[in-house]
């Protein structure tokens, strides 16, 4: 028999799935924008207040922005049951080692 998932984990799983969809949608839009700027020769980005048109720096920024849709897709597309199990396991770990209870 499986242990019952705490209601707080169920609520948090729903919130994380919603946040995942937001990361996926808005992160994809941002990544597309950065990729367009990266492959446009006259496109520039500002790094430390200095505008630059260096392709490698533009590609690095575009690559880093791809982390948001990647994380969003993991959170949004993970099955609900698996996400609740991960949250319950994290809660047990935090209680044992972080909070000391």
PDB file of N, CA and C in Angstrom:
ATOM      1  N   UNK A   1       0.833  -1.182   0.000  1.00  0.00           N
ATOM      2  CA  UNK A   1       0.000   0.000   0.000  1.00  0.00           C
ATOM      3  C   UNK A   1       0.882   1.252   0.000  1.00  0.00           C
ATOM      4  N   UNK A   2       0.566   2.165  -0.872  1.00  0.00           N
ATOM      5  CA  UNK A   2       1.334   3.399  -0.989  1.00  0.00           C
ATOM      6  C   UNK A   2       0.970   4.381   0.112  1.00  0.00           C
ATOM      7  N   UNK A   3       1.983   5.114   0.627  1.00  0.00           N
ATOM      8  CA  UNK A   3       1.643   6.145   1.622  1.00  0.00           C
ATOM      9  C   UNK A   3       0.879   7.282   0.949  1.00  0.00           C
ATOM     10  N   UNK A   4      -0.044   7.864   1.708  1.00  0.00           N
ATOM     11  CA  UNK A   4      -0.866   8.942   1.161  1.00  0.00           C
ATOM     12  C   UNK A   4      -0.021  10.205   1.022  1.00  0.00           C
ATOM     13  N   UNK A   5      -0.184  10.878  -0.117  1.00  0.00           N
ATOM     14  CA  UNK A   5       0.547  12.116  -0.356  1.00  0.00           C
ATOM     15  C   UNK A   5      -0.060  13.233   0.471  1.00  0.00           C
ATOM     16  N   UNK A   6       0.783  14.000   1.197  1.00  0.00           N
ATOM     17  CA  UNK A   6       0.239  15.093   2.012  1.00  0.00           C
ATOM     18  C   UNK A   6      -0.454  16.144   1.142  1.00  0.00           C
ATOM     19  N   UNK A   7      -1.535  16.775   1.655  1.00  0.00           N
ATOM     20  CA  UNK A   7      -2.259  17.774   0.866  1.00  0.00           C
ATOM     21  C   UNK A   7      -1.378  18.956   0.459  1.00  0.00           C
ATOM     22  N   UNK A   8      -0.396  19.304   1.291  1.00  0.00           N
ATOM     23  CA  UNK A   8       0.490  20.421   0.942  1.00  0.00           C
ATOM     24  C   UNK A   8       1.312  20.077  -0.293  1.00  0.00           C
ATOM     25  N   UNK A   9       1.716  18.820  -0.427  1.00  0.00           N
ATOM     26  CA  UNK A   9       2.490  18.403  -1.601  1.00  0.00           C
ATOM     27  C   UNK A   9       1.625  18.443  -2.855  1.00  0.00           C
ATOM     28  N   UNK A  10       0.339  18.109  -2.713  1.00  0.00           N
ATOM     29  CA  UNK A  10      -0.570  18.161  -3.862  1.00  0.00           C
ATOM     30  C   UNK A  10      -0.744  19.607  -4.317  1.00  0.00           C
ATOM     31  N   UNK A  11      -0.933  20.529  -3.378  1.00  0.00           N
ATOM     32  CA  UNK A  11      -1.073  21.949  -3.721  1.00  0.00           C
ATOM     33  C   UNK A  11       0.195  22.482  -4.371  1.00  0.00           C
ATOM     34  N   UNK A  12       1.348  22.130  -3.802  1.00  0.00           N
ATOM     35  CA  UNK A  12       2.615  22.602  -4.341  1.00  0.00           C
ATOM     36  C   UNK A  12       2.863  22.027  -5.726  1.00  0.00           C
ATOM     37  N   UNK A  13       2.456  20.786  -5.947  1.00  0.00           N
ATOM     38  CA  UNK A  13       2.620  20.180  -7.271  1.00  0.00           C
ATOM     39  C   UNK A  13       1.806  20.933  -8.314  1.00  0.00           C
ATOM     40  N   UNK A  14       0.585  21.332  -7.955  1.00  0.00           N
ATOM     41  CA  UNK A  14      -0.241  22.109  -8.887  1.00  0.00           C
ATOM     42  C   UNK A  14       0.403  23.463  -9.174  1.00  0.00           C
ATOM     43  N   UNK A  15       0.942  24.092  -8.140  1.00  0.00           N
ATOM     44  CA  UNK A  15       1.595  25.388  -8.323  1.00  0.00           C
ATOM     45  C   UNK A  15       2.840  25.251  -9.190  1.00  0.00           C
ATOM     46  N   UNK A  16       3.619  24.196  -8.963  1.00  0.00           N
ATOM     47  CA  UNK A  16       4.821  23.996  -9.766  1.00  0.00           C
ATOM     48  C   UNK A  16       4.483  23.697 -11.218  1.00  0.00           C
ATOM     49  N   UNK A  17       3.399  22.969 -11.445  1.00  0.00           N
ATOM     50  CA  UNK A  17       2.996  22.695 -12.832  1.00  0.00           C
ATOM     51  C   UNK A  17       2.574  23.984 -13.526  1.00  0.00           C
ATOM     52  N   UNK A  18       1.856  24.863 -12.804  1.00  0.00           N
ATOM     53  CA  UNK A  18       1.468  26.156 -13.374  1.00  0.00           C
ATOM     54  C   UNK A  18       2.690  27.011 -13.658  1.00  0.00           C
ATOM     55  N   UNK A  19       3.623  27.033 -12.722  1.00  0.00           N
ATOM     56  CA  UNK A  19       4.862  27.787 -12.930  1.00  0.00           C
ATOM     57  C   UNK A  19       5.652  27.200 -14.100  1.00  0.00           C
ATOM     58  N   UNK A  20       5.605  25.891 -14.243  1.00  0.00           N
ATOM     59  CA  UNK A  20       6.284  25.243 -15.371  1.00  0.00           C
ATOM     60  C   UNK A  20       5.727  25.688 -16.703  1.00  0.00           C
ATOM     61  N   UNK A  21       4.388  25.775 -16.791  1.00  0.00           N
ATOM     62  CA  UNK A  21       3.792  26.250 -18.043  1.00  0.00           C
ATOM     63  C   UNK A  21       4.174  27.699 -18.323  1.00  0.00           C
ATOM     64  N   UNK A  22       4.233  28.523 -17.274  1.00  0.00           N
ATOM     65  CA  UNK A  22       4.641  29.923 -17.456  1.00  0.00           C
ATOM     66  C   UNK A  22       6.093  29.996 -17.935  1.00  0.00           C
ATOM     67  N   UNK A  23       6.984  29.209 -17.301  1.00  0.00           N
ATOM     68  CA  UNK A  23       8.378  29.177 -17.745  1.00  0.00           C
ATOM     69  C   UNK A  23       8.476  28.703 -19.187  1.00  0.00           C
ATOM     70  N   UNK A  24       7.693  27.703 -19.534  1.00  0.00           N
ATOM     71  CA  UNK A  24       7.747  27.153 -20.882  1.00  0.00           C
ATOM     72  C   UNK A  24       7.296  28.175 -21.914  1.00  0.00           C
ATOM     73  N   UNK A  25       6.189  28.844 -21.659  1.00  0.00           N
ATOM     74  CA  UNK A  25       5.653  29.802 -22.631  1.00  0.00           C
ATOM     75  C   UNK A  25       6.523  31.052 -22.733  1.00  0.00           C
ATOM     76  N   UNK A  26       6.752  31.712 -21.589  1.00  0.00           N
ATOM     77  CA  UNK A  26       7.492  32.972 -21.634  1.00  0.00           C
ATOM     78  C   UNK A  26       8.976  32.749 -21.908  1.00  0.00           C
ATOM     79  N   UNK A  27       9.525  31.648 -21.431  1.00  0.00           N
ATOM     80  CA  UNK A  27      10.917  31.327 -21.729  1.00  0.00           C
ATOM     81  C   UNK A  27      11.135  31.034 -23.200  1.00  0.00           C
ATOM     82  N   UNK A  28      10.163  30.384 -23.836  1.00  0.00           N
ATOM     83  CA  UNK A  28      10.265  30.124 -25.276  1.00  0.00           C
ATOM     84  C   UNK A  28      10.219  31.423 -26.065  1.00  0.00           C
ATOM     85  N   UNK A  29       9.330  32.319 -25.666  1.00  0.00           N
ATOM     86  CA  UNK A  29       9.267  33.611 -26.357  1.00  0.00           C
ATOM     87  C   UNK A  29      10.567  34.384 -26.204  1.00  0.00           C
ATOM     88  N   UNK A  30      11.117  34.411 -25.001  1.00  0.00           N
ATOM     89  CA  UNK A  30      12.384  35.093 -24.780  1.00  0.00           C
ATOM     90  C   UNK A  30      13.528  34.445 -25.539  1.00  0.00           C
ATOM     91  N   UNK A  31      13.554  33.121 -25.569  1.00  0.00           N
ATOM     92  CA  UNK A  31      14.618  32.413 -26.280  1.00  0.00           C
ATOM     93  C   UNK A  31      14.557  32.669 -27.778  1.00  0.00           C
ATOM     94  N   UNK A  32      13.353  32.690 -28.318  1.00  0.00           N
ATOM     95  CA  UNK A  32      13.212  32.983 -29.748  1.00  0.00           C
ATOM     96  C   UNK A  32      13.731  34.388 -30.040  1.00  0.00           C
ATOM     97  N   UNK A  33      13.394  35.337 -29.176  1.00  0.00           N
ATOM     98  CA  UNK A  33      13.880  36.703 -29.367  1.00  0.00           C
ATOM     99  C   UNK A  33      15.396  36.786 -29.316  1.00  0.00           C
ATOM    100  N   UNK A  34      16.005  36.093 -28.354  1.00  0.00           N
ATOM    101  CA  UNK A  34      17.466  36.121 -28.258  1.00  0.00           C
ATOM    102  C   UNK A  34      18.120  35.398 -29.430  1.00  0.00           C
ATOM    103  N   UNK A  35      17.510  34.312 -29.915  1.00  0.00           N
ATOM    104  CA  UNK A  35      18.072  33.619 -31.072  1.00  0.00           C
ATOM    105  C   UNK A  35      18.008  34.491 -32.325  1.00  0.00           C
ATOM    106  N   UNK A  36      16.924  35.251 -32.480  1.00  0.00           N
ATOM    107  CA  UNK A  36      16.822  36.160 -33.618  1.00  0.00           C
ATOM    108  C   UNK A  36      17.926  37.215 -33.535  1.00  0.00           C
ATOM    109  N   UNK A  37      18.132  37.772 -32.351  1.00  0.00           N
ATOM    110  CA  UNK A  37      19.187  38.772 -32.180  1.00  0.00           C
ATOM    111  C   UNK A  37      20.563  38.148 -32.407  1.00  0.00           C
ATOM    112  N   UNK A  38      20.753  36.902 -31.958  1.00  0.00           N
ATOM    113  CA  UNK A  38      22.058  36.255 -32.090  1.00  0.00           C
ATOM    114  C   UNK A  38      22.446  36.055 -33.550  1.00  0.00           C
ATOM    115  N   UNK A  39      21.498  35.700 -34.396  1.00  0.00           N
ATOM    116  CA  UNK A  39      21.822  35.406 -35.791  1.00  0.00           C
ATOM    117  C   UNK A  39      21.666  36.604 -36.716  1.00  0.00           C
ATOM    118  N   UNK A  40      21.311  37.744 -36.179  1.00  0.00           N
ATOM    119  CA  UNK A  40      21.242  38.962 -36.972  1.00  0.00           C
ATOM    120  C   UNK A  40      22.576  39.696 -36.802  1.00  0.00           C
ATOM    121  N   UNK A  41      23.313  39.959 -37.896  1.00  0.00           N
ATOM    122  CA  UNK A  41      24.641  40.568 -37.771  1.00  0.00           C
ATOM    123  C   UNK A  41      24.626  41.945 -37.106  1.00  0.00           C
ATOM    124  N   UNK A  42      23.608  42.740 -37.350  1.00  0.00           N
ATOM    125  CA  UNK A  42      23.575  44.088 -36.768  1.00  0.00           C
ATOM    126  C   UNK A  42      22.921  44.116 -35.395  1.00  0.00           C
ATOM    127  N   UNK A  43      22.421  42.984 -34.936  1.00  0.00           N
ATOM    128  CA  UNK A  43      21.784  42.914 -33.614  1.00  0.00           C
ATOM    129  C   UNK A  43      22.822  43.049 -32.511  1.00  0.00           C
ATOM    130  N   UNK A  44      22.486  43.783 -31.475  1.00  0.00           N
ATOM    131  CA  UNK A  44      23.437  43.949 -30.368  1.00  0.00           C
ATOM    132  C   UNK A  44      22.732  43.697 -29.041  1.00  0.00           C
ATOM    133  N   UNK A  45      23.517  43.251 -28.074  1.00  0.00           N
ATOM    134  CA  UNK A  45      23.034  43.077 -26.717  1.00  0.00           C
ATOM    135  C   UNK A  45      23.935  43.884 -25.797  1.00  0.00           C
ATOM    136  N   UNK A  46      23.436  44.191 -24.620  1.00  0.00           N
ATOM    137  CA  UNK A  46      24.196  44.985 -23.661  1.00  0.00           C
ATOM    138  C   UNK A  46      24.714  44.076 -22.555  1.00  0.00           C
ATOM    139  N   UNK A  47      26.043  44.022 -22.418  1.00  0.00           N
ATOM    140  CA  UNK A  47      26.667  43.245 -21.366  1.00  0.00           C
ATOM    141  C   UNK A  47      27.467  44.211 -20.508  1.00  0.00           C
ATOM    142  N   UNK A  48      27.125  44.303 -19.235  1.00  0.00           N
ATOM    143  CA  UNK A  48      27.748  45.258 -18.301  1.00  0.00           C
ATOM    144  C   UNK A  48      27.615  46.687 -18.799  1.00  0.00           C
ATOM    145  N   UNK A  49      26.513  46.994 -19.452  1.00  0.00           N
ATOM    146  CA  UNK A  49      26.256  48.350 -19.928  1.00  0.00           C
ATOM    147  C   UNK A  49      26.946  48.686 -21.238  1.00  0.00           C
ATOM    148  N   UNK A  50      27.680  47.750 -21.817  1.00  0.00           N
ATOM    149  CA  UNK A  50      28.404  47.999 -23.065  1.00  0.00           C
ATOM    150  C   UNK A  50      27.727  47.207 -24.181  1.00  0.00           C
ATOM    151  N   UNK A  51      27.191  47.875 -25.207  1.00  0.00           N
ATOM    152  CA  UNK A  51      26.584  47.147 -26.321  1.00  0.00           C
ATOM    153  C   UNK A  51      27.643  46.365 -27.110  1.00  0.00           C
ATOM    154  N   UNK A  52      27.313  45.140 -27.457  1.00  0.00           N
ATOM    155  CA  UNK A  52      28.244  44.311 -28.219  1.00  0.00           C
ATOM    156  C   UNK A  52      27.498  43.569 -29.320  1.00  0.00           C
ATOM    157  N   UNK A  53      28.192  43.326 -30.422  1.00  0.00           N
ATOM    158  CA  UNK A  53      27.631  42.549 -31.530  1.00  0.00           C
ATOM    159  C   UNK A  53      28.411  41.252 -31.712  1.00  0.00           C
ATOM    160  N   UNK A  54      29.227  40.862 -30.727  1.00  0.00           N
ATOM    161  CA  UNK A  54      30.016  39.637 -30.799  1.00  0.00           C
ATOM    162  C   UNK A  54      29.080  38.425 -30.831  1.00  0.00           C
ATOM    163  N   UNK A  55      29.262  37.577 -31.862  1.00  0.00           N
ATOM    164  CA  UNK A  55      28.359  36.445 -32.057  1.00  0.00           C
ATOM    165  C   UNK A  55      28.422  35.463 -30.895  1.00  0.00           C
ATOM    166  N   UNK A  56      29.618  35.199 -30.371  1.00  0.00           N
ATOM    167  CA  UNK A  56      29.738  34.201 -29.307  1.00  0.00           C
ATOM    168  C   UNK A  56      29.019  34.656 -28.038  1.00  0.00           C
ATOM    169  N   UNK A  57      29.090  35.939 -27.720  1.00  0.00           N
ATOM    170  CA  UNK A  57      28.394  36.439 -26.531  1.00  0.00           C
ATOM    171  C   UNK A  57      26.876  36.409 -26.742  1.00  0.00           C
ATOM    172  N   UNK A  58      26.438  36.742 -27.950  1.00  0.00           N
ATOM    173  CA  UNK A  58      24.999  36.691 -28.233  1.00  0.00           C
ATOM    174  C   UNK A  58      24.500  35.255 -28.178  1.00  0.00           C
ATOM    175  N   UNK A  59      25.307  34.319 -28.668  1.00  0.00           N
ATOM    176  CA  UNK A  59      24.910  32.915 -28.647  1.00  0.00           C
ATOM    177  C   UNK A  59      24.901  32.371 -27.217  1.00  0.00           C
ATOM    178  N   UNK A  60      25.827  32.826 -26.369  1.00  0.00           N
ATOM    179  CA  UNK A  60      25.844  32.414 -24.971  1.00  0.00           C
ATOM    180  C   UNK A  60      24.575  32.879 -24.249  1.00  0.00           C
ATOM    181  N   UNK A  61      24.174  34.111 -24.484  1.00  0.00           N
ATOM    182  CA  UNK A  61      22.953  34.627 -23.862  1.00  0.00           C
ATOM    183  C   UNK A  61      21.732  33.849 -24.368  1.00  0.00           C
ATOM    184  N   UNK A  62      21.703  33.557 -25.665  1.00  0.00           N
ATOM    185  CA  UNK A  62      20.582  32.789 -26.216  1.00  0.00           C
ATOM    186  C   UNK A  62      20.559  31.374 -25.636  1.00  0.00           C
ATOM    187  N   UNK A  63      21.722  30.762 -25.469  1.00  0.00           N
ATOM    188  CA  UNK A  63      21.793  29.421 -24.892  1.00  0.00           C
ATOM    189  C   UNK A  63      21.348  29.398 -23.439  1.00  0.00           C
ATOM    190  N   UNK A  64      21.759  30.405 -22.678  1.00  0.00           N
ATOM    191  CA  UNK A  64      21.343  30.475 -21.265  1.00  0.00           C
ATOM    192  C   UNK A  64      19.837  30.704 -21.143  1.00  0.00           C
ATOM    193  N   UNK A  65      19.275  31.448 -22.069  1.00  0.00           N
ATOM    194  CA  UNK A  65      17.832  31.685 -21.997  1.00  0.00           C
ATOM    195  C   UNK A  65      17.034  30.421 -22.320  1.00  0.00           C
ATOM    196  N   UNK A  66      17.671  29.442 -22.948  1.00  0.00           N
ATOM    197  CA  UNK A  66      16.989  28.176 -23.238  1.00  0.00           C
ATOM    198  C   UNK A  66      16.799  27.320 -21.982  1.00  0.00           C
ATOM    199  N   UNK A  67      17.459  27.680 -20.890  1.00  0.00           N
ATOM    200  CA  UNK A  67      17.274  26.935 -19.639  1.00  0.00           C
ATOM    201  C   UNK A  67      15.859  27.094 -19.092  1.00  0.00           C
ATOM    202  N   UNK A  68      15.253  28.268 -19.304  1.00  0.00           N
ATOM    203  CA  UNK A  68      13.909  28.500 -18.780  1.00  0.00           C
ATOM    204  C   UNK A  68      12.858  27.599 -19.437  1.00  0.00           C
ATOM    205  N   UNK A  69      12.806  27.512 -20.774  1.00  0.00           N
ATOM    206  CA  UNK A  69      11.822  26.568 -21.333  1.00  0.00           C
ATOM    207  C   UNK A  69      12.156  25.106 -21.027  1.00  0.00           C
ATOM    208  N   UNK A  70      13.442  24.801 -20.858  1.00  0.00           N
ATOM    209  CA  UNK A  70      13.802  23.419 -20.506  1.00  0.00           C
ATOM    210  C   UNK A  70      13.279  23.063 -19.117  1.00  0.00           C
ATOM    211  N   UNK A  71      13.496  23.954 -18.154  1.00  0.00           N
ATOM    212  CA  UNK A  71      12.989  23.696 -16.808  1.00  0.00           C
ATOM    213  C   UNK A  71      11.465  23.712 -16.801  1.00  0.00           C
ATOM    214  N   UNK A  72      10.873  24.608 -17.562  1.00  0.00           N
ATOM    215  CA  UNK A  72       9.419  24.674 -17.634  1.00  0.00           C
ATOM    216  C   UNK A  72       8.816  23.402 -18.201  1.00  0.00           C
ATOM    217  N   UNK A  73       9.466  22.848 -19.228  1.00  0.00           N
ATOM    218  CA  UNK A  73       8.920  21.621 -19.808  1.00  0.00           C
ATOM    219  C   UNK A  73       9.032  20.456 -18.834  1.00  0.00           C
ATOM    220  N   UNK A  74      10.112  20.423 -18.035  1.00  0.00           N
ATOM    221  CA  UNK A  74      10.231  19.354 -17.031  1.00  0.00           C
ATOM    222  C   UNK A  74       9.122  19.487 -15.991  1.00  0.00           C
ATOM    223  N   UNK A  75       8.909  20.710 -15.486  1.00  0.00           N
ATOM    224  CA  UNK A  75       7.883  20.901 -14.457  1.00  0.00           C
ATOM    225  C   UNK A  75       6.470  20.703 -15.011  1.00  0.00           C
ATOM    226  N   UNK A  76       6.218  21.184 -16.211  1.00  0.00           N
ATOM    227  CA  UNK A  76       4.860  21.139 -16.755  1.00  0.00           C
ATOM    228  C   UNK A  76       4.475  19.754 -17.261  1.00  0.00           C
ATOM    229  N   UNK A  77       5.431  19.002 -17.770  1.00  0.00           N
ATOM    230  CA  UNK A  77       5.088  17.742 -18.426  1.00  0.00           C
ATOM    231  C   UNK A  77       5.370  16.503 -17.575  1.00  0.00           C
ATOM    232  N   UNK A  78       5.922  16.694 -16.376  1.00  0.00           N
ATOM    233  CA  UNK A  78       6.111  15.560 -15.472  1.00  0.00           C
ATOM    234  C   UNK A  78       4.738  15.118 -14.966  1.00  0.00           C
ATOM    235  N   UNK A  79       4.476  13.815 -14.953  1.00  0.00           N
ATOM    236  CA  UNK A  79       3.175  13.362 -14.459  1.00  0.00           C
ATOM    237  C   UNK A  79       2.936  13.825 -13.013  1.00  0.00           C
ATOM    238  N   UNK A  80       1.677  14.129 -12.728  1.00  0.00           N
ATOM    239  CA  UNK A  80       1.283  14.686 -11.425  1.00  0.00           C
ATOM    240  C   UNK A  80       1.708  13.767 -10.282  1.00  0.00           C
ATOM    241  N   UNK A  81       1.501  12.494 -10.442  1.00  0.00           N
ATOM    242  CA  UNK A  81       1.814  11.530  -9.383  1.00  0.00           C
ATOM    243  C   UNK A  81       3.314  11.518  -9.088  1.00  0.00           C
ATOM    244  N   UNK A  82       4.137  11.561 -10.130  1.00  0.00           N
ATOM    245  CA  UNK A  82       5.582  11.543  -9.956  1.00  0.00           C
ATOM    246  C   UNK A  82       6.068  12.820  -9.276  1.00  0.00           C
ATOM    247  N   UNK A  83       5.481  13.959  -9.647  1.00  0.00           N
ATOM    248  CA  UNK A  83       5.850  15.232  -9.031  1.00  0.00           C
ATOM    249  C   UNK A  83       5.480  15.245  -7.547  1.00  0.00           C
ATOM    250  N   UNK A  84       4.318  14.709  -7.211  1.00  0.00           N
ATOM    251  CA  UNK A  84       3.912  14.624  -5.802  1.00  0.00           C
ATOM    252  C   UNK A  84       4.846  13.712  -5.020  1.00  0.00           C
ATOM    253  N   UNK A  85       5.284  12.599  -5.616  1.00  0.00           N
ATOM    254  CA  UNK A  85       6.208  11.704  -4.944  1.00  0.00           C
ATOM    255  C   UNK A  85       7.552  12.388  -4.692  1.00  0.00           C
ATOM    256  N   UNK A  86       8.033  13.145  -5.675  1.00  0.00           N
ATOM    257  CA  UNK A  86       9.301  13.867  -5.504  1.00  0.00           C
ATOM    258  C   UNK A  86       9.187  14.910  -4.399  1.00  0.00           C
ATOM    259  N   UNK A  87       8.071  15.614  -4.348  1.00  0.00           N
ATOM    260  CA  UNK A  87       7.880  16.625  -3.310  1.00  0.00           C
ATOM    261  C   UNK A  87       7.768  15.992  -1.926  1.00  0.00           C
ATOM    262  N   UNK A  88       7.093  14.857  -1.838  1.00  0.00           N
ATOM    263  CA  UNK A  88       6.988  14.167  -0.554  1.00  0.00           C
ATOM    264  C   UNK A  88       8.360  13.669  -0.099  1.00  0.00           C
ATOM    265  N   UNK A  89       9.171  13.165  -1.031  1.00  0.00           N
ATOM    266  CA  UNK A  89      10.520  12.709  -0.677  1.00  0.00           C
ATOM    267  C   UNK A  89      11.384  13.885  -0.239  1.00  0.00           C
ATOM    268  N   UNK A  90      11.260  15.018  -0.920  1.00  0.00           N
ATOM    269  CA  UNK A  90      12.018  16.208  -0.522  1.00  0.00           C
ATOM    270  C   UNK A  90      11.592  16.674   0.862  1.00  0.00           C
ATOM    271  N   UNK A  91      10.298  16.600   1.148  1.00  0.00           N
ATOM    272  CA  UNK A  91       9.791  17.004   2.449  1.00  0.00           C
ATOM    273  C   UNK A  91      10.362  16.108   3.557  1.00  0.00           C
ATOM    274  N   UNK A  92      10.425  14.800   3.310  1.00  0.00           N
ATOM    275  CA  UNK A  92      11.007  13.881   4.295  1.00  0.00           C
ATOM    276  C   UNK A  92      12.491  14.184   4.493  1.00  0.00           C
ATOM    277  N   UNK A  93      13.207  14.454   3.404  1.00  0.00           N
ATOM    278  CA  UNK A  93      14.629  14.790   3.497  1.00  0.00           C
ATOM    279  C   UNK A  93      14.834  16.081   4.282  1.00  0.00           C
ATOM    280  N   UNK A  94      14.031  17.091   3.984  1.00  0.00           N
ATOM    281  CA  UNK A  94      14.174  18.380   4.659  1.00  0.00           C
ATOM    282  C   UNK A  94      13.855  18.255   6.142  1.00  0.00           C
ATOM    283  N   UNK A  95      12.841  17.454   6.480  1.00  0.00           N
ATOM    284  CA  UNK A  95      12.506  17.263   7.882  1.00  0.00           C
ATOM    285  C   UNK A  95      13.637  16.565   8.625  1.00  0.00           C
ATOM    286  N   UNK A  96      14.270  15.604   7.983  1.00  0.00           N
ATOM    287  CA  UNK A  96      15.311  14.821   8.648  1.00  0.00           C
ATOM    288  C   UNK A  96      16.630  15.587   8.776  1.00  0.00           C
ATOM    289  N   UNK A  97      17.026  16.306   7.735  1.00  0.00           N
ATOM    290  CA  UNK A  97      18.358  16.886   7.731  1.00  0.00           C
ATOM    291  C   UNK A  97      18.415  18.404   7.880  1.00  0.00           C
ATOM    292  N   UNK A  98      17.399  19.092   7.414  1.00  0.00           N
ATOM    293  CA  UNK A  98      17.442  20.552   7.442  1.00  0.00           C
ATOM    294  C   UNK A  98      16.770  21.085   8.693  1.00  0.00           C
ATOM    295  N   UNK A  99      15.543  20.660   8.944  1.00  0.00           N
ATOM    296  CA  UNK A  99      14.784  21.193  10.070  1.00  0.00           C
ATOM    297  C   UNK A  99      15.058  20.436  11.371  1.00  0.00           C
ATOM    298  N   UNK A 100      15.626  19.242  11.261  1.00  0.00           N
ATOM    299  CA  UNK A 100      15.994  18.464  12.435  1.00  0.00           C
ATOM    300  C   UNK A 100      14.847  17.915  13.243  1.00  0.00           C
ATOM    301  N   UNK A 101      13.725  17.624  12.616  1.00  0.00           N
ATOM    302  CA  UNK A 101      12.579  17.075  13.338  1.00  0.00           C
ATOM    303  C   UNK A 101      12.360  15.634  12.977  1.00  0.00           C
TER     304      UNK A 101
END
